Amino acid sequence: MKANFRTIGIKSLDECLSDAAACMNAIERGEKVKKISAYYFSSFEAFRKAMTPQRFALLKVIREKQPESIQSLAKITGRDIKNVSEDLKALSCMDLVSLEQHGKSKAPRLKYGGIRLEVAV
């Protein structure tokens, strides 16, 4: 089975606003617009702050161990549940993980098999 990837990119605010304006103009003209499936950061530094080594480690543990709850994930990683929960919220905002209801707990699941980073030079 082919792995699906989440694209993460770096674009300046001006580039993002220009893309948004072009999209709105196309909609105004009645054209179909392509859904953007990438998640963009304004700088490489912003990307580094969001995708910490701890968050990458969580993605790897989720893939390998498929924990049945956030508490289980915290136990496996030896981290505080509050910090794991906050990291999962950030990863969820980037559409990298989902939380499936399993009884009274929520099980973290990967939404993609990998991440592609696009950086314009």
PDB file of N, CA and C in Angstrom:
ATOM      1  N   MET A   1       0.841  -1.183   0.000  1.00  0.00           N
ATOM      2  CA  MET A   1       0.000   0.000   0.000  1.00  0.00           C
ATOM      3  C   MET A   1       0.887   1.248   0.000  1.00  0.00           C
ATOM      4  N   LYS A   2       0.564   2.217  -0.815  1.00  0.00           N
ATOM      5  CA  LYS A   2       1.324   3.442  -0.925  1.00  0.00           C
ATOM      6  C   LYS A   2       1.015   4.350   0.263  1.00  0.00           C
ATOM      7  N   ALA A   3       2.064   4.904   0.869  1.00  0.00           N
ATOM      8  CA  ALA A   3       1.881   5.802   2.020  1.00  0.00           C
ATOM      9  C   ALA A   3       1.383   7.159   1.535  1.00  0.00           C
ATOM     10  N   ASN A   4       0.487   7.735   2.301  1.00  0.00           N
ATOM     11  CA  ASN A   4       0.026   9.084   1.997  1.00  0.00           C
ATOM     12  C   ASN A   4       0.836  10.067   2.837  1.00  0.00           C
ATOM     13  N   PHE A   5       1.108  11.232   2.269  1.00  0.00           N
ATOM     14  CA  PHE A   5       1.965  12.210   2.917  1.00  0.00           C
ATOM     15  C   PHE A   5       1.232  13.513   3.168  1.00  0.00           C
ATOM     16  N   ARG A   6       1.601  14.183   4.242  1.00  0.00           N
ATOM     17  CA  ARG A   6       1.119  15.519   4.566  1.00  0.00           C
ATOM     18  C   ARG A   6       2.214  16.473   4.153  1.00  0.00           C
ATOM     19  N   THR A   7       1.892  17.452   3.336  1.00  0.00           N
ATOM     20  CA  THR A   7       2.864  18.445   2.911  1.00  0.00           C
ATOM     21  C   THR A   7       2.846  19.615   3.874  1.00  0.00           C
ATOM     22  N   ILE A   8       4.019  19.963   4.337  1.00  0.00           N
ATOM     23  CA  ILE A   8       4.199  21.130   5.188  1.00  0.00           C
ATOM     24  C   ILE A   8       5.166  22.041   4.452  1.00  0.00           C
ATOM     25  N   GLY A   9       4.826  23.311   4.362  1.00  0.00           N
ATOM     26  CA  GLY A   9       5.658  24.230   3.610  1.00  0.00           C
ATOM     27  C   GLY A   9       5.989  25.488   4.378  1.00  0.00           C
ATOM     28  N   ILE A  10       6.910  26.233   3.813  1.00  0.00           N
ATOM     29  CA  ILE A  10       7.318  27.522   4.359  1.00  0.00           C
ATOM     30  C   ILE A  10       6.976  28.569   3.307  1.00  0.00           C
ATOM     31  N   LYS A  11       6.126  29.514   3.670  1.00  0.00           N
ATOM     32  CA  LYS A  11       5.759  30.610   2.775  1.00  0.00           C
ATOM     33  C   LYS A  11       5.682  31.886   3.596  1.00  0.00           C
ATOM     34  N   SER A  12       6.089  32.973   2.992  1.00  0.00           N
ATOM     35  CA  SER A  12       5.981  34.254   3.684  1.00  0.00           C
ATOM     36  C   SER A  12       4.506  34.656   3.771  1.00  0.00           C
ATOM     37  N   LEU A  13       4.215  35.568   4.660  1.00  0.00           N
ATOM     38  CA  LEU A  13       2.851  36.070   4.799  1.00  0.00           C
ATOM     39  C   LEU A  13       2.384  36.687   3.493  1.00  0.00           C
ATOM     40  N   ASP A  14       3.264  37.417   2.813  1.00  0.00           N
ATOM     41  CA  ASP A  14       2.904  38.023   1.527  1.00  0.00           C
ATOM     42  C   ASP A  14       2.517  36.966   0.493  1.00  0.00           C
ATOM     43  N   GLU A  15       3.266  35.856   0.455  1.00  0.00           N
ATOM     44  CA  GLU A  15       2.952  34.776  -0.478  1.00  0.00           C
ATOM     45  C   GLU A  15       1.591  34.155  -0.158  1.00  0.00           C
ATOM     46  N   CYS A  16       1.330  33.942   1.128  1.00  0.00           N
ATOM     47  CA  CYS A  16       0.043  33.357   1.535  1.00  0.00           C
ATOM     48  C   CYS A  16      -1.111  34.279   1.176  1.00  0.00           C
ATOM     49  N   LEU A  17      -0.944  35.570   1.424  1.00  0.00           N
ATOM     50  CA  LEU A  17      -1.999  36.537   1.090  1.00  0.00           C
ATOM     51  C   LEU A  17      -2.207  36.623  -0.414  1.00  0.00           C
ATOM     52  N   SER A  18      -1.127  36.558  -1.174  1.00  0.00           N
ATOM     53  CA  SER A  18      -1.231  36.580  -2.633  1.00  0.00           C
ATOM     54  C   SER A  18      -1.977  35.351  -3.141  1.00  0.00           C
ATOM     55  N   ASP A  19      -1.656  34.181  -2.585  1.00  0.00           N
ATOM     56  CA  ASP A  19      -2.359  32.950  -2.962  1.00  0.00           C
ATOM     57  C   ASP A  19      -3.844  33.043  -2.611  1.00  0.00           C
ATOM     58  N   ALA A  20      -4.149  33.588  -1.436  1.00  0.00           N
ATOM     59  CA  ALA A  20      -5.546  33.727  -1.010  1.00  0.00           C
ATOM     60  C   ALA A  20      -6.300  34.677  -1.940  1.00  0.00           C
ATOM     61  N   ALA A  21      -5.663  35.768  -2.316  1.00  0.00           N
ATOM     62  CA  ALA A  21      -6.298  36.731  -3.223  1.00  0.00           C
ATOM     63  C   ALA A  21      -6.569  36.091  -4.583  1.00  0.00           C
ATOM     64  N   ALA A  22      -5.609  35.337  -5.095  1.00  0.00           N
ATOM     65  CA  ALA A  22      -5.790  34.660  -6.385  1.00  0.00           C
ATOM     66  C   ALA A  22      -6.939  33.662  -6.299  1.00  0.00           C
ATOM     67  N   CYS A  23      -7.037  32.954  -5.187  1.00  0.00           N
ATOM     68  CA  CYS A  23      -8.115  31.985  -4.992  1.00  0.00           C
ATOM     69  C   CYS A  23      -9.469  32.695  -4.969  1.00  0.00           C
ATOM     70  N   MET A  24      -9.555  33.795  -4.224  1.00  0.00           N
ATOM     71  CA  MET A  24     -10.820  34.538  -4.133  1.00  0.00           C
ATOM     72  C   MET A  24     -11.220  35.112  -5.485  1.00  0.00           C
ATOM     73  N   ASN A  25     -10.246  35.590  -6.251  1.00  0.00           N
ATOM     74  CA  ASN A  25     -10.536  36.109  -7.589  1.00  0.00           C
ATOM     75  C   ASN A  25     -11.064  35.001  -8.494  1.00  0.00           C
ATOM     76  N   ALA A  26     -10.484  33.818  -8.391  1.00  0.00           N
ATOM     77  CA  ALA A  26     -10.958  32.687  -9.204  1.00  0.00           C
ATOM     78  C   ALA A  26     -12.389  32.319  -8.821  1.00  0.00           C
ATOM     79  N   ILE A  27     -12.690  32.313  -7.541  1.00  0.00           N
ATOM     80  CA  ILE A  27     -14.052  32.002  -7.083  1.00  0.00           C
ATOM     81  C   ILE A  27     -15.023  33.053  -7.602  1.00  0.00           C
ATOM     82  N   GLU A  28     -14.606  34.310  -7.539  1.00  0.00           N
ATOM     83  CA  GLU A  28     -15.445  35.410  -8.014  1.00  0.00           C
ATOM     84  C   GLU A  28     -15.756  35.261  -9.505  1.00  0.00           C
ATOM     85  N   ARG A  29     -14.801  34.729 -10.279  1.00  0.00           N
ATOM     86  CA  ARG A  29     -15.005  34.510 -11.715  1.00  0.00           C
ATOM     87  C   ARG A  29     -15.799  33.238 -11.991  1.00  0.00           C
ATOM     88  N   GLY A  30     -16.130  32.491 -10.931  1.00  0.00           N
ATOM     89  CA  GLY A  30     -16.902  31.267 -11.094  1.00  0.00           C
ATOM     90  C   GLY A  30     -16.067  30.042 -11.423  1.00  0.00           C
ATOM     91  N   GLU A  31     -14.768  30.146 -11.246  1.00  0.00           N
ATOM     92  CA  GLU A  31     -13.885  29.022 -11.544  1.00  0.00           C
ATOM     93  C   GLU A  31     -13.804  28.082 -10.346  1.00  0.00           C
ATOM     94  N   LYS A  32     -13.538  26.825 -10.655  1.00  0.00           N
ATOM     95  CA  LYS A  32     -13.291  25.870  -9.580  1.00  0.00           C
ATOM     96  C   LYS A  32     -11.885  26.098  -9.055  1.00  0.00           C
ATOM     97  N   VAL A  33     -11.738  25.979  -7.755  1.00  0.00           N
ATOM     98  CA  VAL A  33     -10.405  26.135  -7.177  1.00  0.00           C
ATOM     99  C   VAL A  33      -9.973  24.814  -6.547  1.00  0.00           C
ATOM    100  N   LYS A  34      -8.698  24.556  -6.640  1.00  0.00           N
ATOM    101  CA  LYS A  34      -8.131  23.326  -6.110  1.00  0.00           C
ATOM    102  C   LYS A  34      -7.952  23.462  -4.596  1.00  0.00           C
ATOM    103  N   LYS A  35      -8.371  22.429  -3.884  1.00  0.00           N
ATOM    104  CA  LYS A  35      -8.196  22.416  -2.437  1.00  0.00           C
ATOM    105  C   LYS A  35      -6.711  22.321  -2.110  1.00  0.00           C
ATOM    106  N   ILE A  36      -6.262  23.179  -1.217  1.00  0.00           N
ATOM    107  CA  ILE A  36      -4.865  23.156  -0.797  1.00  0.00           C
ATOM    108  C   ILE A  36      -4.753  22.182   0.366  1.00  0.00           C
ATOM    109  N   SER A  37      -3.920  21.176   0.197  1.00  0.00           N
ATOM    110  CA  SER A  37      -3.810  20.157   1.234  1.00  0.00           C
ATOM    111  C   SER A  37      -2.519  20.297   2.040  1.00  0.00           C
ATOM    112  N   ALA A  38      -1.846  21.433   1.890  1.00  0.00           N
ATOM    113  CA  ALA A  38      -0.603  21.659   2.629  1.00  0.00           C
ATOM    114  C   ALA A  38      -0.870  22.550   3.832  1.00  0.00           C
ATOM    115  N   TYR A  39       0.034  22.497   4.772  1.00  0.00           N
ATOM    116  CA  TYR A  39      -0.009  23.349   5.964  1.00  0.00           C
ATOM    117  C   TYR A  39       1.246  24.205   5.903  1.00  0.00           C
ATOM    118  N   TYR A  40       1.084  25.527   5.975  1.00  0.00           N
ATOM    119  CA  TYR A  40       2.215  26.422   5.782  1.00  0.00           C
ATOM    120  C   TYR A  40       2.599  27.169   7.049  1.00  0.00           C
ATOM    121  N   PHE A  41       3.909  27.345   7.193  1.00  0.00           N
ATOM    122  CA  PHE A  41       4.483  28.181   8.243  1.00  0.00           C
ATOM    123  C   PHE A  41       5.088  29.411   7.588  1.00  0.00           C
ATOM    124  N   SER A  42       5.187  30.495   8.346  1.00  0.00           N
ATOM    125  CA  SER A  42       5.705  31.745   7.794  1.00  0.00           C
ATOM    126  C   SER A  42       7.230  31.780   7.723  1.00  0.00           C
ATOM    127  N   SER A  43       7.896  30.881   8.446  1.00  0.00           N
ATOM    128  CA  SER A  43       9.357  30.833   8.419  1.00  0.00           C
ATOM    129  C   SER A  43       9.823  29.463   8.881  1.00  0.00           C
ATOM    130  N   PHE A  44      11.084  29.173   8.586  1.00  0.00           N
ATOM    131  CA  PHE A  44      11.639  27.905   9.035  1.00  0.00           C
ATOM    132  C   PHE A  44      11.695  27.874  10.562  1.00  0.00           C
ATOM    133  N   GLU A  45      11.957  29.019  11.172  1.00  0.00           N
ATOM    134  CA  GLU A  45      11.996  29.097  12.638  1.00  0.00           C
ATOM    135  C   GLU A  45      10.619  28.770  13.232  1.00  0.00           C
ATOM    136  N   ALA A  46       9.562  29.245  12.611  1.00  0.00           N
ATOM    137  CA  ALA A  46       8.206  28.926  13.090  1.00  0.00           C
ATOM    138  C   ALA A  46       7.944  27.427  12.967  1.00  0.00           C
ATOM    139  N   PHE A  47       8.417  26.829  11.880  1.00  0.00           N
ATOM    140  CA  PHE A  47       8.292  25.379  11.706  1.00  0.00           C
ATOM    141  C   PHE A  47       9.032  24.650  12.816  1.00  0.00           C
ATOM    142  N   ARG A  48      10.257  25.061  13.107  1.00  0.00           N
ATOM    143  CA  ARG A  48      11.059  24.411  14.151  1.00  0.00           C
ATOM    144  C   ARG A  48      10.406  24.523  15.524  1.00  0.00           C
ATOM    145  N   LYS A  49       9.764  25.652  15.791  1.00  0.00           N
ATOM    146  CA  LYS A  49       9.083  25.814  17.080  1.00  0.00           C
ATOM    147  C   LYS A  49       7.862  24.905  17.183  1.00  0.00           C
ATOM    148  N   ALA A  50       7.181  24.696  16.070  1.00  0.00           N
ATOM    149  CA  ALA A  50       5.969  23.872  16.078  1.00  0.00           C
ATOM    150  C   ALA A  50       6.291  22.381  16.042  1.00  0.00           C
ATOM    151  N   MET A  51       7.268  22.001  15.269  1.00  0.00           N
ATOM    152  CA  MET A  51       7.618  20.579  15.107  1.00  0.00           C
ATOM    153  C   MET A  51       8.858  20.269  15.936  1.00  0.00           C
ATOM    154  N   THR A  52       8.663  20.196  17.227  1.00  0.00           N
ATOM    155  CA  THR A  52       9.759  19.933  18.156  1.00  0.00           C
ATOM    156  C   THR A  52      10.188  18.465  18.078  1.00  0.00           C
ATOM    157  N   PRO A  53      11.382  18.164  18.565  1.00  0.00           N
ATOM    158  CA  PRO A  53      11.807  16.756  18.605  1.00  0.00           C
ATOM    159  C   PRO A  53      10.834  15.878  19.403  1.00  0.00           C
ATOM    160  N   GLN A  54      10.241  16.428  20.458  1.00  0.00           N
ATOM    161  CA  GLN A  54       9.275  15.666  21.252  1.00  0.00           C
ATOM    162  C   GLN A  54       8.030  15.327  20.437  1.00  0.00           C
ATOM    163  N   ARG A  55       7.593  16.241  19.604  1.00  0.00           N
ATOM    164  CA  ARG A  55       6.411  15.986  18.770  1.00  0.00           C
ATOM    165  C   ARG A  55       6.711  14.970  17.682  1.00  0.00           C
ATOM    166  N   PHE A  56       7.895  15.052  17.080  1.00  0.00           N
ATOM    167  CA  PHE A  56       8.290  14.019  16.117  1.00  0.00           C
ATOM    168  C   PHE A  56       8.351  12.658  16.794  1.00  0.00           C
ATOM    169  N   ALA A  57       8.875  12.630  18.022  1.00  0.00           N
ATOM    170  CA  ALA A  57       8.969  11.363  18.761  1.00  0.00           C
ATOM    171  C   ALA A  57       7.575  10.801  19.028  1.00  0.00           C
ATOM    172  N   LEU A  58       6.612  11.665  19.352  1.00  0.00           N
ATOM    173  CA  LEU A  58       5.237  11.203  19.571  1.00  0.00           C
ATOM    174  C   LEU A  58       4.683  10.560  18.306  1.00  0.00           C
ATOM    175  N   LEU A  59       4.933  11.179  17.149  1.00  0.00           N
ATOM    176  CA  LEU A  59       4.449  10.608  15.889  1.00  0.00           C
ATOM    177  C   LEU A  59       5.017   9.209  15.675  1.00  0.00           C
ATOM    178  N   LYS A  60       6.293   9.038  15.970  1.00  0.00           N
ATOM    179  CA  LYS A  60       6.928   7.731  15.790  1.00  0.00           C
ATOM    180  C   LYS A  60       6.337   6.698  16.747  1.00  0.00           C
ATOM    181  N   VAL A  61       6.135   7.079  18.001  1.00  0.00           N
ATOM    182  CA  VAL A  61       5.570   6.145  18.989  1.00  0.00           C
ATOM    183  C   VAL A  61       4.136   5.785  18.614  1.00  0.00           C
ATOM    184  N   ILE A  62       3.362   6.762  18.165  1.00  0.00           N
ATOM    185  CA  ILE A  62       1.978   6.488  17.761  1.00  0.00           C
ATOM    186  C   ILE A  62       1.966   5.483  16.610  1.00  0.00           C
ATOM    187  N   ARG A  63       2.874   5.679  15.639  1.00  0.00           N
ATOM    188  CA  ARG A  63       2.948   4.757  14.498  1.00  0.00           C
ATOM    189  C   ARG A  63       3.349   3.343  14.943  1.00  0.00           C
ATOM    190  N   GLU A  64       4.350   3.257  15.801  1.00  0.00           N
ATOM    191  CA  GLU A  64       4.878   1.946  16.187  1.00  0.00           C
ATOM    192  C   GLU A  64       4.032   1.220  17.226  1.00  0.00           C
ATOM    193  N   LYS A  65       3.513   1.941  18.208  1.00  0.00           N
ATOM    194  CA  LYS A  65       2.838   1.299  19.341  1.00  0.00           C
ATOM    195  C   LYS A  65       1.311   1.371  19.289  1.00  0.00           C
ATOM    196  N   GLN A  66       0.774   2.312  18.529  1.00  0.00           N
ATOM    197  CA  GLN A  66      -0.671   2.533  18.438  1.00  0.00           C
ATOM    198  C   GLN A  66      -1.327   2.490  19.821  1.00  0.00           C
ATOM    199  N   PRO A  67      -0.961   3.428  20.692  1.00  0.00           N
ATOM    200  CA  PRO A  67      -1.514   3.430  22.051  1.00  0.00           C
ATOM    201  C   PRO A  67      -3.029   3.632  22.040  1.00  0.00           C
ATOM    202  N   GLU A  68      -3.676   3.052  23.029  1.00  0.00           N
ATOM    203  CA  GLU A  68      -5.143   3.109  23.110  1.00  0.00           C
ATOM    204  C   GLU A  68      -5.664   4.347  23.832  1.00  0.00           C
ATOM    205  N   SER A  69      -4.760   5.185  24.353  1.00  0.00           N
ATOM    206  CA  SER A  69      -5.195   6.400  25.033  1.00  0.00           C
ATOM    207  C   SER A  69      -4.038   7.388  25.110  1.00  0.00           C
ATOM    208  N   ILE A  70      -4.368   8.627  25.418  1.00  0.00           N
ATOM    209  CA  ILE A  70      -3.341   9.649  25.630  1.00  0.00           C
ATOM    210  C   ILE A  70      -2.515   9.279  26.857  1.00  0.00           C
ATOM    211  N   GLN A  71      -3.181   8.762  27.872  1.00  0.00           N
ATOM    212  CA  GLN A  71      -2.490   8.357  29.089  1.00  0.00           C
ATOM    213  C   GLN A  71      -1.485   7.243  28.791  1.00  0.00           C
ATOM    214  N   SER A  72      -1.870   6.303  27.963  1.00  0.00           N
ATOM    215  CA  SER A  72      -0.971   5.221  27.561  1.00  0.00           C
ATOM    216  C   SER A  72       0.229   5.771  26.799  1.00  0.00           C
ATOM    217  N   LEU A  73      -0.007   6.729  25.913  1.00  0.00           N
ATOM    218  CA  LEU A  73       1.075   7.360  25.154  1.00  0.00           C
ATOM    219  C   LEU A  73       2.039   8.073  26.099  1.00  0.00           C
ATOM    220  N   ALA A  74       1.495   8.772  27.089  1.00  0.00           N
ATOM    221  CA  ALA A  74       2.336   9.460  28.066  1.00  0.00           C
ATOM    222  C   ALA A  74       3.197   8.463  28.840  1.00  0.00           C
ATOM    223  N   LYS A  75       2.602   7.350  29.202  1.00  0.00           N
ATOM    224  CA  LYS A  75       3.330   6.318  29.959  1.00  0.00           C
ATOM    225  C   LYS A  75       4.449   5.717  29.107  1.00  0.00           C
ATOM    226  N   ILE A  76       4.153   5.403  27.854  1.00  0.00           N
ATOM    227  CA  ILE A  76       5.154   4.818  26.948  1.00  0.00           C
ATOM    228  C   ILE A  76       6.339   5.766  26.775  1.00  0.00           C
ATOM    229  N   THR A  77       6.051   7.055  26.649  1.00  0.00           N
ATOM    230  CA  THR A  77       7.112   8.039  26.388  1.00  0.00           C
ATOM    231  C   THR A  77       7.766   8.557  27.665  1.00  0.00           C
ATOM    232  N   GLY A  78       7.179   8.237  28.819  1.00  0.00           N
ATOM    233  CA  GLY A  78       7.740   8.728  30.077  1.00  0.00           C
ATOM    234  C   GLY A  78       7.572  10.224  30.263  1.00  0.00           C
ATOM    235  N   ARG A  79       6.520  10.759  29.656  1.00  0.00           N
ATOM    236  CA  ARG A  79       6.254  12.202  29.731  1.00  0.00           C
ATOM    237  C   ARG A  79       4.977  12.469  30.517  1.00  0.00           C
ATOM    238  N   ASP A  80       4.858  13.692  30.998  1.00  0.00           N
ATOM    239  CA  ASP A  80       3.666  14.126  31.710  1.00  0.00           C
ATOM    240  C   ASP A  80       2.480  14.156  30.753  1.00  0.00           C
ATOM    241  N   ILE A  81       1.336  13.659  31.208  1.00  0.00           N
ATOM    242  CA  ILE A  81       0.149  13.574  30.344  1.00  0.00           C
ATOM    243  C   ILE A  81      -0.289  14.948  29.844  1.00  0.00           C
ATOM    244  N   LYS A  82      -0.134  15.986  30.674  1.00  0.00           N
ATOM    245  CA  LYS A  82      -0.539  17.343  30.261  1.00  0.00           C
ATOM    246  C   LYS A  82       0.306  17.806  29.073  1.00  0.00           C
ATOM    247  N   ASN A  83       1.616  17.560  29.123  1.00  0.00           N
ATOM    248  CA  ASN A  83       2.495  17.969  28.022  1.00  0.00           C
ATOM    249  C   ASN A  83       2.220  17.157  26.761  1.00  0.00           C
ATOM    250  N   VAL A  84       1.967  15.867  26.919  1.00  0.00           N
ATOM    251  CA  VAL A  84       1.628  15.019  25.770  1.00  0.00           C
ATOM    252  C   VAL A  84       0.323  15.502  25.145  1.00  0.00           C
ATOM    253  N   SER A  85      -0.650  15.817  25.972  1.00  0.00           N
ATOM    254  CA  SER A  85      -1.937  16.302  25.482  1.00  0.00           C
ATOM    255  C   SER A  85      -1.779  17.608  24.704  1.00  0.00           C
ATOM    256  N   GLU A  86      -0.962  18.522  25.213  1.00  0.00           N
ATOM    257  CA  GLU A  86      -0.723  19.792  24.518  1.00  0.00           C
ATOM    258  C   GLU A  86      -0.032  19.555  23.179  1.00  0.00           C
ATOM    259  N   ASP A  87       0.933  18.639  23.161  1.00  0.00           N
ATOM    260  CA  ASP A  87       1.603  18.324  21.899  1.00  0.00           C
ATOM    261  C   ASP A  87       0.636  17.695  20.900  1.00  0.00           C
ATOM    262  N   LEU A  88      -0.256  16.836  21.379  1.00  0.00           N
ATOM    263  CA  LEU A  88      -1.241  16.220  20.487  1.00  0.00           C
ATOM    264  C   LEU A  88      -2.200  17.262  19.916  1.00  0.00           C
ATOM    265  N   LYS A  89      -2.552  18.269  20.711  1.00  0.00           N
ATOM    266  CA  LYS A  89      -3.408  19.347  20.199  1.00  0.00           C
ATOM    267  C   LYS A  89      -2.713  20.082  19.059  1.00  0.00           C
ATOM    268  N   ALA A  90      -1.417  20.374  19.235  1.00  0.00           N
ATOM    269  CA  ALA A  90      -0.668  21.067  18.183  1.00  0.00           C
ATOM    270  C   ALA A  90      -0.576  20.195  16.929  1.00  0.00           C
ATOM    271  N   LEU A  91      -0.297  18.914  17.113  1.00  0.00           N
ATOM    272  CA  LEU A  91      -0.211  17.999  15.964  1.00  0.00           C
ATOM    273  C   LEU A  91      -1.565  17.836  15.279  1.00  0.00           C
ATOM    274  N   SER A  92      -2.623  17.888  16.056  1.00  0.00           N
ATOM    275  CA  SER A  92      -3.972  17.811  15.504  1.00  0.00           C
ATOM    276  C   SER A  92      -4.301  19.069  14.691  1.00  0.00           C
ATOM    277  N   CYS A  93      -3.884  20.219  15.177  1.00  0.00           N
ATOM    278  CA  CYS A  93      -4.116  21.469  14.438  1.00  0.00           C
ATOM    279  C   CYS A  93      -3.428  21.454  13.080  1.00  0.00           C
ATOM    280  N   MET A  94      -2.281  20.758  13.004  1.00  0.00           N
ATOM    281  CA  MET A  94      -1.572  20.635  11.731  1.00  0.00           C
ATOM    282  C   MET A  94      -2.116  19.483  10.911  1.00  0.00           C
ATOM    283  N   ASP A  95      -3.184  18.850  11.402  1.00  0.00           N
ATOM    284  CA  ASP A  95      -3.850  17.740  10.722  1.00  0.00           C
ATOM    285  C   ASP A  95      -2.941  16.517  10.557  1.00  0.00           C
ATOM    286  N   LEU A  96      -2.041  16.312  11.520  1.00  0.00           N
ATOM    287  CA  LEU A  96      -1.146  15.160  11.468  1.00  0.00           C
ATOM    288  C   LEU A  96      -1.679  13.975  12.261  1.00  0.00           C
ATOM    289  N   VAL A  97      -2.469  14.241  13.292  1.00  0.00           N
ATOM    290  CA  VAL A  97      -3.043  13.173  14.112  1.00  0.00           C
ATOM    291  C   VAL A  97      -4.536  13.428  14.313  1.00  0.00           C
ATOM    292  N   SER A  98      -5.230  12.361  14.642  1.00  0.00           N
ATOM    293  CA  SER A  98      -6.628  12.473  15.058  1.00  0.00           C
ATOM    294  C   SER A  98      -6.751  11.731  16.382  1.00  0.00           C
ATOM    295  N   LEU A  99      -7.818  12.010  17.096  1.00  0.00           N
ATOM    296  CA  LEU A  99      -8.080  11.344  18.368  1.00  0.00           C
ATOM    297  C   LEU A  99      -9.374  10.564  18.229  1.00  0.00           C
ATOM    298  N   GLU A 100      -9.258   9.239  18.223  1.00  0.00           N
ATOM    299  CA  GLU A 100     -10.419   8.359  18.090  1.00  0.00           C
ATOM    300  C   GLU A 100     -10.958   8.020  19.472  1.00  0.00           C
ATOM    301  N   GLN A 101     -12.261   8.085  19.605  1.00  0.00           N
ATOM    302  CA  GLN A 101     -12.893   7.734  20.875  1.00  0.00           C
ATOM    303  C   GLN A 101     -12.834   6.228  21.082  1.00  0.00           C
ATOM    304  N   HIS A 102     -12.275   5.803  22.195  1.00  0.00           N
ATOM    305  CA  HIS A 102     -12.198   4.388  22.584  1.00  0.00           C
ATOM    306  C   HIS A 102     -12.741   4.290  23.996  1.00  0.00           C
ATOM    307  N   GLY A 103     -14.033   4.038  24.114  1.00  0.00           N
ATOM    308  CA  GLY A 103     -14.647   4.020  25.445  1.00  0.00           C
ATOM    309  C   GLY A 103     -14.601   5.399  26.061  1.00  0.00           C
ATOM    310  N   LYS A 104     -14.005   5.495  27.231  1.00  0.00           N
ATOM    311  CA  LYS A 104     -13.897   6.788  27.916  1.00  0.00           C
ATOM    312  C   LYS A 104     -12.638   7.553  27.529  1.00  0.00           C
ATOM    313  N   SER A 105     -11.750   6.914  26.793  1.00  0.00           N
ATOM    314  CA  SER A 105     -10.487   7.568  26.437  1.00  0.00           C
ATOM    315  C   SER A 105     -10.411   7.827  24.937  1.00  0.00           C
ATOM    316  N   LYS A 106      -9.417   8.636  24.574  1.00  0.00           N
ATOM    317  CA  LYS A 106      -9.187   8.964  23.172  1.00  0.00           C
ATOM    318  C   LYS A 106      -7.841   8.400  22.751  1.00  0.00           C
ATOM    319  N   ALA A 107      -7.838   7.683  21.639  1.00  0.00           N
ATOM    320  CA  ALA A 107      -6.622   7.054  21.119  1.00  0.00           C
ATOM    321  C   ALA A 107      -6.041   7.916  20.003  1.00  0.00           C
ATOM    322  N   PRO A 108      -4.777   8.319  20.138  1.00  0.00           N
ATOM    323  CA  PRO A 108      -4.152   9.103  19.066  1.00  0.00           C
ATOM    324  C   PRO A 108      -3.826   8.217  17.872  1.00  0.00           C
ATOM    325  N   ARG A 109      -4.129   8.705  16.678  1.00  0.00           N
ATOM    326  CA  ARG A 109      -3.872   7.967  15.444  1.00  0.00           C
ATOM    327  C   ARG A 109      -3.247   8.899  14.408  1.00  0.00           C
ATOM    328  N   LEU A 110      -2.299   8.385  13.669  1.00  0.00           N
ATOM    329  CA  LEU A 110      -1.685   9.158  12.590  1.00  0.00           C
ATOM    330  C   LEU A 110      -2.661   9.270  11.429  1.00  0.00           C
ATOM    331  N   LYS A 111      -2.668  10.424  10.793  1.00  0.00           N
ATOM    332  CA  LYS A 111      -3.521  10.612   9.629  1.00  0.00           C
ATOM    333  C   LYS A 111      -2.743  10.405   8.330  1.00  0.00           C
ATOM    334  N   TYR A 112      -1.408  10.402   8.429  1.00  0.00           N
ATOM    335  CA  TYR A 112      -0.565  10.281   7.243  1.00  0.00           C
ATOM    336  C   TYR A 112       0.604   9.353   7.535  1.00  0.00           C
ATOM    337  N   GLY A 113       1.149   8.778   6.490  1.00  0.00           N
ATOM    338  CA  GLY A 113       2.299   7.896   6.639  1.00  0.00           C
ATOM    339  C   GLY A 113       3.627   8.624   6.635  1.00  0.00           C
ATOM    340  N   GLY A 114       3.602   9.903   6.315  1.00  0.00           N
ATOM    341  CA  GLY A 114       4.839  10.674   6.288  1.00  0.00           C
ATOM    342  C   GLY A 114       4.566  12.158   6.119  1.00  0.00           C
ATOM    343  N   ILE A 115       5.628  12.928   6.229  1.00  0.00           N
ATOM    344  CA  ILE A 115       5.555  14.387   6.090  1.00  0.00           C
ATOM    345  C   ILE A 115       6.539  14.799   5.004  1.00  0.00           C
ATOM    346  N   ARG A 116       6.088  15.660   4.113  1.00  0.00           N
ATOM    347  CA  ARG A 116       6.965  16.261   3.101  1.00  0.00           C
ATOM    348  C   ARG A 116       7.127  17.739   3.448  1.00  0.00           C
ATOM    349  N   LEU A 117       8.352  18.189   3.460  1.00  0.00           N
ATOM    350  CA  LEU A 117       8.628  19.601   3.747  1.00  0.00           C
ATOM    351  C   LEU A 117       9.017  20.307   2.458  1.00  0.00           C
ATOM    352  N   GLU A 118       8.263  21.356   2.122  1.00  0.00           N
ATOM    353  CA  GLU A 118       8.554  22.151   0.930  1.00  0.00           C
ATOM    354  C   GLU A 118       9.098  23.500   1.367  1.00  0.00           C
ATOM    355  N   VAL A 119      10.297  23.804   0.910  1.00  0.00           N
ATOM    356  CA  VAL A 119      10.920  25.083   1.234  1.00  0.00           C
ATOM    357  C   VAL A 119      11.429  25.711  -0.058  1.00  0.00           C
ATOM    358  N   ALA A 120      10.920  26.872  -0.374  1.00  0.00           N
ATOM    359  CA  ALA A 120      11.398  27.588  -1.564  1.00  0.00           C
ATOM    360  C   ALA A 120      12.713  28.277  -1.235  1.00  0.00           C
ATOM    361  N   VAL A 121      13.631  28.249  -2.183  1.00  0.00           N
ATOM    362  CA  VAL A 121      14.927  28.914  -1.963  1.00  0.00           C
ATOM    363  C   VAL A 121      15.067  30.123  -2.839  1.00  0.00           C
TER     364      VAL A 121
END
